[in-house]
């Protein structure tokens, strides 16, 4: 999902590096335990992808 110009300028810190990614997790209706669970699972996915690509 990409934010439109009506939702802000869309420039955070990703303009500092051409290969950066911003991932937003959750929203105002999520509980903190849901955010932690999502971050944990996302970390596992990113780690697995990284280790598969470096070997």
C-alpha atoms as a PDB file:
ATOM      1  CA  UNK A   1       0.000   0.000   0.000  1.00  0.00           C
ATOM      2  CA  UNK A   2       1.356   3.405  -0.951  1.00  0.00           C
ATOM      3  CA  UNK A   3       0.163   6.621   0.638  1.00  0.00           C
ATOM      4  CA  UNK A   4      -1.256   9.247  -1.659  1.00  0.00           C
ATOM      5  CA  UNK A   5      -0.304  12.909  -1.626  1.00  0.00           C
ATOM      6  CA  UNK A   6      -3.512  13.681   0.301  1.00  0.00           C
ATOM      7  CA  UNK A   7      -2.180  11.569   3.182  1.00  0.00           C
ATOM      8  CA  UNK A   8       1.131  13.433   3.377  1.00  0.00           C
ATOM      9  CA  UNK A   9       4.120  14.013   1.194  1.00  0.00           C
ATOM     10  CA  UNK A  10       5.124  10.356   1.449  1.00  0.00           C
ATOM     11  CA  UNK A  11       8.770  11.206   2.103  1.00  0.00           C
ATOM     12  CA  UNK A  12      10.097   9.895   5.368  1.00  0.00           C
ATOM     13  CA  UNK A  13      13.709   8.778   5.639  1.00  0.00           C
ATOM     14  CA  UNK A  14      13.593   6.447   2.642  1.00  0.00           C
ATOM     15  CA  UNK A  15      14.937   9.261   0.471  1.00  0.00           C
ATOM     16  CA  UNK A  16      18.264   9.010   2.328  1.00  0.00           C
ATOM     17  CA  UNK A  17      19.152   5.691   0.680  1.00  0.00           C
ATOM     18  CA  UNK A  18      18.017   4.366  -2.711  1.00  0.00           C
ATOM     19  CA  UNK A  19      17.506   0.842  -1.308  1.00  0.00           C
ATOM     20  CA  UNK A  20      15.552   1.607   1.844  1.00  0.00           C
ATOM     21  CA  UNK A  21      12.089   0.295   2.667  1.00  0.00           C
ATOM     22  CA  UNK A  22       9.529   1.602   5.125  1.00  0.00           C
ATOM     23  CA  UNK A  23       7.098  -0.912   6.623  1.00  0.00           C
ATOM     24  CA  UNK A  24       4.204   0.293   8.722  1.00  0.00           C
ATOM     25  CA  UNK A  25       2.714  -2.242  11.096  1.00  0.00           C
ATOM     26  CA  UNK A  26      -0.777  -1.953  12.486  1.00  0.00           C
ATOM     27  CA  UNK A  27      -3.101   0.933  12.905  1.00  0.00           C
ATOM     28  CA  UNK A  28      -5.103   2.776  15.507  1.00  0.00           C
ATOM     29  CA  UNK A  29      -7.398  -0.193  16.138  1.00  0.00           C
ATOM     30  CA  UNK A  30      -4.649  -2.753  16.726  1.00  0.00           C
ATOM     31  CA  UNK A  31      -3.603  -3.858  20.187  1.00  0.00           C
ATOM     32  CA  UNK A  32       0.064  -3.750  21.180  1.00  0.00           C
ATOM     33  CA  UNK A  33       0.263  -7.558  21.379  1.00  0.00           C
ATOM     34  CA  UNK A  34      -0.895  -7.752  17.750  1.00  0.00           C
ATOM     35  CA  UNK A  35       1.826  -5.315  16.717  1.00  0.00           C
ATOM     36  CA  UNK A  36       4.521  -7.274  18.559  1.00  0.00           C
ATOM     37  CA  UNK A  37       3.329 -10.554  17.040  1.00  0.00           C
ATOM     38  CA  UNK A  38       3.354  -9.038  13.547  1.00  0.00           C
ATOM     39  CA  UNK A  39       6.818  -7.520  14.051  1.00  0.00           C
ATOM     40  CA  UNK A  40       8.131 -10.878  15.282  1.00  0.00           C
ATOM     41  CA  UNK A  41       6.728 -12.733  12.269  1.00  0.00           C
ATOM     42  CA  UNK A  42       7.944 -10.075   9.847  1.00  0.00           C
ATOM     43  CA  UNK A  43      11.401 -10.286  11.394  1.00  0.00           C
ATOM     44  CA  UNK A  44      11.407 -14.051  10.825  1.00  0.00           C
ATOM     45  CA  UNK A  45      10.443 -13.609   7.163  1.00  0.00           C
ATOM     46  CA  UNK A  46      13.085 -10.949   6.542  1.00  0.00           C
ATOM     47  CA  UNK A  47      15.738 -13.031   8.326  1.00  0.00           C
ATOM     48  CA  UNK A  48      14.895 -16.164   6.346  1.00  0.00           C
ATOM     49  CA  UNK A  49      14.973 -14.243   3.064  1.00  0.00           C
ATOM     50  CA  UNK A  50      18.302 -12.633   3.963  1.00  0.00           C
ATOM     51  CA  UNK A  51      19.994 -15.900   4.901  1.00  0.00           C
ATOM     52  CA  UNK A  52      18.707 -17.622   1.758  1.00  0.00           C
ATOM     53  CA  UNK A  53      20.113 -14.881  -0.460  1.00  0.00           C
ATOM     54  CA  UNK A  54      23.591 -14.667   1.114  1.00  0.00           C
ATOM     55  CA  UNK A  55      24.332 -18.396   0.794  1.00  0.00           C
END
